[in-house]
Protein backbone atom coordinates (compact mmCIF):
# COMPACT_ATOMS: atom_id res chain seq x y z
CA MET A 1 -20.06 -18.73 -5.00
CA ALA A 2 -19.23 -18.35 -1.30
CA PHE A 3 -15.80 -16.96 -2.22
CA PHE A 4 -17.25 -14.14 -4.33
CA THR A 5 -19.99 -13.49 -1.78
CA ASP A 6 -17.30 -13.03 0.87
CA ILE A 7 -15.42 -10.60 -1.38
CA LYS A 8 -18.59 -8.53 -1.65
CA ILE A 9 -19.13 -8.66 2.13
CA ALA A 10 -15.57 -7.58 2.91
CA ALA A 11 -15.71 -4.74 0.38
CA SER A 12 -19.04 -3.46 1.72
CA ASP A 13 -17.65 -3.45 5.28
CA TYR A 14 -15.37 -0.56 4.28
CA GLY A 15 -18.33 1.80 4.37
CA GLU A 16 -19.30 0.69 7.87
CA GLY A 17 -15.67 0.78 8.95
CA PHE A 18 -15.30 4.40 7.88
CA LYS A 19 -18.47 5.34 9.76
CA LEU A 20 -17.33 3.61 12.96
CA ILE A 21 -13.94 5.35 12.92
CA SER A 22 -15.76 8.68 12.96
CA LYS A 23 -18.51 7.58 15.36
CA LEU A 24 -16.09 6.16 17.91
CA GLY A 25 -13.62 9.03 17.61
CA LEU A 26 -10.77 6.83 16.40
CA TRP A 27 -9.11 9.26 14.00
CA LYS A 28 -6.80 10.34 16.83
CA PHE A 29 -5.11 6.94 16.64
CA THR A 30 -4.17 7.52 13.01
CA LEU A 31 -1.75 10.45 13.37
CA ILE A 32 1.40 8.43 14.12
CA PRO A 33 0.62 5.76 11.46
CA ALA A 34 0.04 8.59 8.95
CA LEU A 35 3.46 10.08 9.71
CA ILE A 36 5.05 6.62 9.45
CA ALA A 37 3.29 6.08 6.11
CA ILE A 38 4.60 9.38 4.74
CA GLY A 39 8.14 8.55 5.84
CA LEU A 40 8.06 5.05 4.38
CA ALA A 41 6.51 6.28 1.12
CA ALA A 42 9.25 8.89 0.72
CA LEU A 43 11.91 6.27 1.45
CA PHE A 44 10.54 3.81 -1.09
CA ILE A 45 10.13 6.46 -3.79
CA TRP A 46 13.75 7.54 -3.29
CA GLY A 47 14.96 3.93 -3.27
CA GLY A 48 13.01 3.10 -6.41
CA TRP A 49 14.41 6.10 -8.25
CA TYR A 50 17.95 5.28 -7.10
CA PHE A 51 18.04 1.53 -7.77
CA ALA A 52 15.88 1.11 -10.91
CA THR A 53 18.65 2.16 -13.30
CA ASP A 54 21.25 0.00 -11.55
CA ILE A 55 18.99 -3.05 -11.71
CA GLY A 56 18.34 -2.43 -15.39
CA ALA A 57 22.08 -2.10 -16.07
CA ALA A 58 22.79 -5.35 -14.21
CA ILE A 59 20.16 -7.21 -16.25
CA ALA A 60 21.53 -5.73 -19.51
CA GLN A 61 24.93 -7.34 -18.86
CA ILE A 62 23.35 -10.76 -19.36
CA TRP A 63 23.20 -10.06 -23.14
CA PRO A 64 26.76 -10.62 -24.49
CA PHE A 65 26.09 -9.77 -28.15
CA GLU A 66 26.39 -6.53 -30.09
CA PHE A 67 23.28 -7.10 -32.17
CA GLY A 68 20.09 -6.27 -30.32
CA ALA A 69 22.07 -4.72 -27.47
CA SER A 70 20.17 -1.43 -27.63
CA PHE A 71 16.80 -3.20 -27.54
CA PHE A 72 17.89 -5.43 -24.67
CA ARG A 73 19.12 -2.40 -22.67
CA SER A 74 15.74 -0.72 -23.12
CA LEU A 75 13.97 -3.94 -22.12
CA SER A 76 16.28 -4.32 -19.13
CA ASN A 77 15.53 -0.78 -17.95
CA PHE A 78 11.81 -1.49 -18.27
CA ILE A 79 12.12 -4.75 -16.32
CA GLY A 80 14.26 -3.04 -13.69
CA GLY A 81 11.76 -0.23 -13.23
CA LEU A 82 8.81 -2.62 -13.17
CA SER A 83 10.46 -4.92 -10.63
CA VAL A 84 11.25 -1.98 -8.35
CA ILE A 85 7.65 -0.75 -8.53
CA VAL A 86 6.09 -4.17 -7.87
CA VAL A 87 8.51 -5.30 -5.16
CA GLY A 88 8.44 -1.83 -3.59
CA PHE A 89 4.64 -1.86 -3.55
CA PHE A 90 4.56 -5.25 -1.82
CA ALA A 91 7.30 -4.34 0.65
CA PHE A 92 5.76 -0.95 1.45
CA LYS A 93 2.36 -2.40 2.31
CA HIS A 94 3.65 -5.10 4.60
CA LEU A 95 6.31 -2.97 6.25
CA LEU A 96 3.68 -0.32 6.96
CA MET A 97 1.30 -2.94 8.39
CA ALA A 98 4.09 -4.48 10.48
CA VAL A 99 5.37 -1.25 12.02
CA CYS A 100 1.90 0.18 12.57
CA GLY A 101 0.47 -2.97 14.17
CA PRO A 102 0.50 -1.58 17.74
CA PHE A 103 -1.29 1.58 16.53
CA MET A 104 -3.94 -0.36 14.62
CA ALA A 105 -4.65 -2.67 17.55
CA PRO A 106 -6.59 0.04 19.51
CA ILE A 107 -8.71 0.82 16.44
CA SER A 108 -9.49 -2.85 15.92
CA GLN A 109 -10.20 -3.42 19.59
CA LYS A 110 -12.55 -0.47 19.98
CA VAL A 111 -14.44 -1.46 16.84
CA GLU A 112 -14.79 -5.00 18.17
CA ASP A 113 -15.86 -3.74 21.61
CA HIS A 114 -18.58 -1.69 19.91
CA LEU A 115 -19.77 -4.65 17.83
CA ASN A 116 -19.66 -6.82 20.94
CA GLY A 117 -22.01 -4.53 22.85
CA ASP A 118 -19.17 -2.59 24.49
CA LYS A 119 -17.99 -5.76 26.22
CA VAL A 120 -14.23 -5.20 26.38
CA VAL A 121 -12.17 -7.95 24.78
CA SER A 122 -8.75 -8.86 26.13
CA GLU A 123 -6.03 -6.37 25.26
CA ILE A 124 -2.70 -7.25 23.71
CA GLY A 125 0.40 -5.33 24.76
CA PHE A 126 2.31 -2.90 22.53
CA MET A 127 5.41 -5.09 22.17
CA SER A 128 3.41 -8.28 21.72
CA SER A 129 1.41 -6.63 18.95
CA LEU A 130 4.56 -5.26 17.29
CA VAL A 131 6.39 -8.60 17.38
CA ARG A 132 3.39 -10.48 16.00
CA SER A 133 2.80 -7.89 13.26
CA ILE A 134 6.43 -8.10 12.17
CA ARG A 135 6.39 -11.91 12.17
CA ILE A 136 3.12 -12.12 10.26
CA ASN A 137 4.05 -9.54 7.64
CA ILE A 138 7.55 -10.91 7.03
CA ARG A 139 5.91 -14.27 6.43
CA LEU A 140 3.35 -12.70 4.10
CA ILE A 141 5.82 -10.70 2.02
CA LEU A 142 8.11 -13.71 1.52
CA ILE A 143 5.24 -15.91 0.36
CA GLU A 144 3.80 -13.11 -1.76
CA LEU A 145 7.13 -12.50 -3.48
CA LEU A 146 7.62 -16.23 -4.05
CA ILE A 147 4.30 -16.32 -5.88
CA SER A 148 4.48 -12.91 -7.54
CA VAL A 149 7.96 -12.98 -9.11
CA PRO A 150 7.09 -15.85 -11.54
CA LEU A 151 3.76 -14.16 -12.31
CA LEU A 152 5.59 -10.90 -12.95
CA LEU A 153 7.87 -12.63 -15.46
CA LEU A 154 4.88 -14.29 -17.14
CA SER A 155 3.23 -10.87 -17.49
CA LEU A 156 5.95 -9.97 -20.01
CA ILE A 157 4.70 -12.71 -22.35
CA PRO A 158 1.88 -11.70 -24.73
CA MET A 159 -1.41 -13.56 -24.17
CA LEU A 160 -0.28 -14.72 -20.74
CA ASN A 161 0.04 -11.21 -19.37
CA ILE A 162 -3.71 -10.76 -18.79
CA ILE A 163 -4.06 -13.97 -16.77
CA SER A 164 -0.84 -13.40 -14.83
CA SER A 165 -1.81 -9.80 -14.03
CA ILE A 166 -5.16 -10.96 -12.62
CA LEU A 167 -3.44 -13.62 -10.51
CA LEU A 168 -0.85 -11.06 -9.37
CA PHE A 169 -3.58 -8.68 -8.20
CA TYR A 170 -5.42 -11.54 -6.47
CA ALA A 171 -2.29 -12.65 -4.60
CA SER A 172 -1.53 -9.09 -3.53
CA SER A 173 -5.10 -8.56 -2.33
CA TYR A 174 -5.26 -11.84 -0.40
CA PHE A 175 -2.03 -11.31 1.52
CA THR A 176 -2.86 -7.67 2.24
CA GLY A 177 -6.28 -8.62 3.58
CA PHE A 178 -4.63 -11.33 5.66
CA GLY A 179 -2.52 -8.70 7.41
CA ALA A 180 -5.53 -6.45 8.06
CA MET A 181 -7.61 -9.29 9.50
CA ASP A 182 -4.84 -10.32 11.88
CA TYR A 183 -5.22 -7.07 13.85
CA CYS A 184 -8.45 -8.60 15.13
CA LEU A 185 -7.38 -12.24 15.11
CA GLU A 186 -4.34 -11.57 17.31
CA ARG A 187 -6.65 -11.09 20.31
CA HIS A 188 -8.28 -14.48 19.80
CA TYR A 189 -5.91 -16.92 18.10
CA LYS A 190 -2.32 -18.03 17.99
CA THR A 191 -0.57 -17.34 14.68
CA SER A 192 -1.11 -20.88 13.39
CA ASP A 193 -4.85 -20.72 14.15
CA SER A 194 -5.09 -17.31 12.50
CA VAL A 195 -3.56 -18.78 9.34
CA LYS A 196 -6.20 -21.52 9.35
CA PHE A 197 -9.00 -18.98 9.88
CA VAL A 198 -7.90 -16.77 6.99
CA ARG A 199 -7.41 -19.74 4.67
CA ALA A 200 -10.96 -20.83 5.48
CA ASN A 201 -12.18 -17.31 4.68
CA LYS A 202 -10.11 -16.38 1.62
CA GLY A 203 -12.91 -14.29 0.18
CA LEU A 204 -12.98 -11.95 3.18
CA ALA A 205 -9.22 -11.45 3.03
CA THR A 206 -9.26 -10.92 -0.74
CA GLY A 207 -12.18 -8.49 -0.64
CA ASN A 208 -10.51 -6.41 2.05
CA GLY A 209 -7.22 -6.43 0.15
CA ILE A 210 -8.82 -5.40 -3.14
CA ILE A 211 -10.24 -2.22 -1.64
CA PHE A 212 -6.99 -1.65 0.30
CA ASN A 213 -4.97 -1.74 -2.93
CA LEU A 214 -7.41 0.53 -4.76
CA ILE A 215 -7.36 3.12 -1.95
CA LEU A 216 -3.56 2.98 -1.82
CA LEU A 217 -3.48 4.08 -5.48
CA ILE A 218 -5.10 7.40 -4.55
CA PRO A 219 -2.24 9.95 -4.44
CA VAL A 220 -1.24 11.11 -0.93
CA ILE A 221 -4.67 10.63 0.68
CA GLY A 222 -4.63 6.88 0.05
CA VAL A 223 -1.38 6.37 1.98
CA LEU A 224 -2.74 8.34 4.94
CA VAL A 225 -6.15 6.71 5.39
CA VAL A 226 -5.90 3.21 3.95
CA LEU A 227 -4.58 1.42 7.03
CA PRO A 228 -7.10 2.60 9.67
CA ILE A 229 -10.07 2.18 7.34
CA SER A 230 -8.97 -1.28 6.21
CA THR A 231 -8.35 -2.27 9.85
CA ALA A 232 -11.87 -1.23 10.88
CA ALA A 233 -13.39 -2.98 7.86
CA ALA A 234 -11.38 -6.17 8.43
CA THR A 235 -12.37 -6.19 12.11
CA ILE A 236 -16.04 -5.99 11.17
CA SER A 237 -15.70 -8.83 8.63
CA THR A 238 -13.66 -10.98 11.02
CA PHE A 239 -15.89 -10.38 14.04
CA ASN A 240 -19.04 -11.21 12.07
CA ARG A 241 -17.51 -14.37 10.67
CA MET A 242 -16.23 -15.54 14.05
CA ASN A 243 -19.74 -15.01 15.38
CA LYS A 244 -21.28 -16.55 12.25
CA LYS A 245 -22.98 -13.36 11.10
CA GLU A 246 -23.18 -12.27 7.52
CA GLY A 247 -22.23 -8.59 7.22
């Protein structure tokens, strides 16, 4: 029950996060991340379009027989396109969160300062934030891919596809929420301690990631606003939990 309660808490914190971004005048910190998001999105769309056919053709070569070759080529193209979309989606999120870490840190810090009664918490330098964001998100994408690739293959099997799709969405949401929460945790914990904190609060990470993924599906606007809003929301959830408050 606590897990699902935490999902609800993290999701509801998005509303408060959006309000605080406006109240504290934090939209100015989102311009550079928005431009980075547009550039990365364009790069991934181009890459997906370019490589999907090649991946499908490579998979099709596995089938050495004449019979069923046409069907297998069609299936291979589908698998190639699907793999590009899924892997690209995972990679885009974490690369965006890694590169934009130093720009999300001020948003997270100012939100936490406000929640803390304007008592300024210790700052973390630009390069320190960037290095930690890259390390964290490389770790997350590798683990996420390790879990998601088998689930993606299982989703091609009738009857198992529903369960595997749910697990795939859960894994994606958890690891995405992990990255958003770390913008706050980096000011308080070493990486190893942050991992322990998030594992102990899986519901908060998952709830944040669920809304993150849903916002990201909104054409154009989602890419531009998802990171600052999710950062503010994750900071609220993380701050309240560290201070044992239910949001």
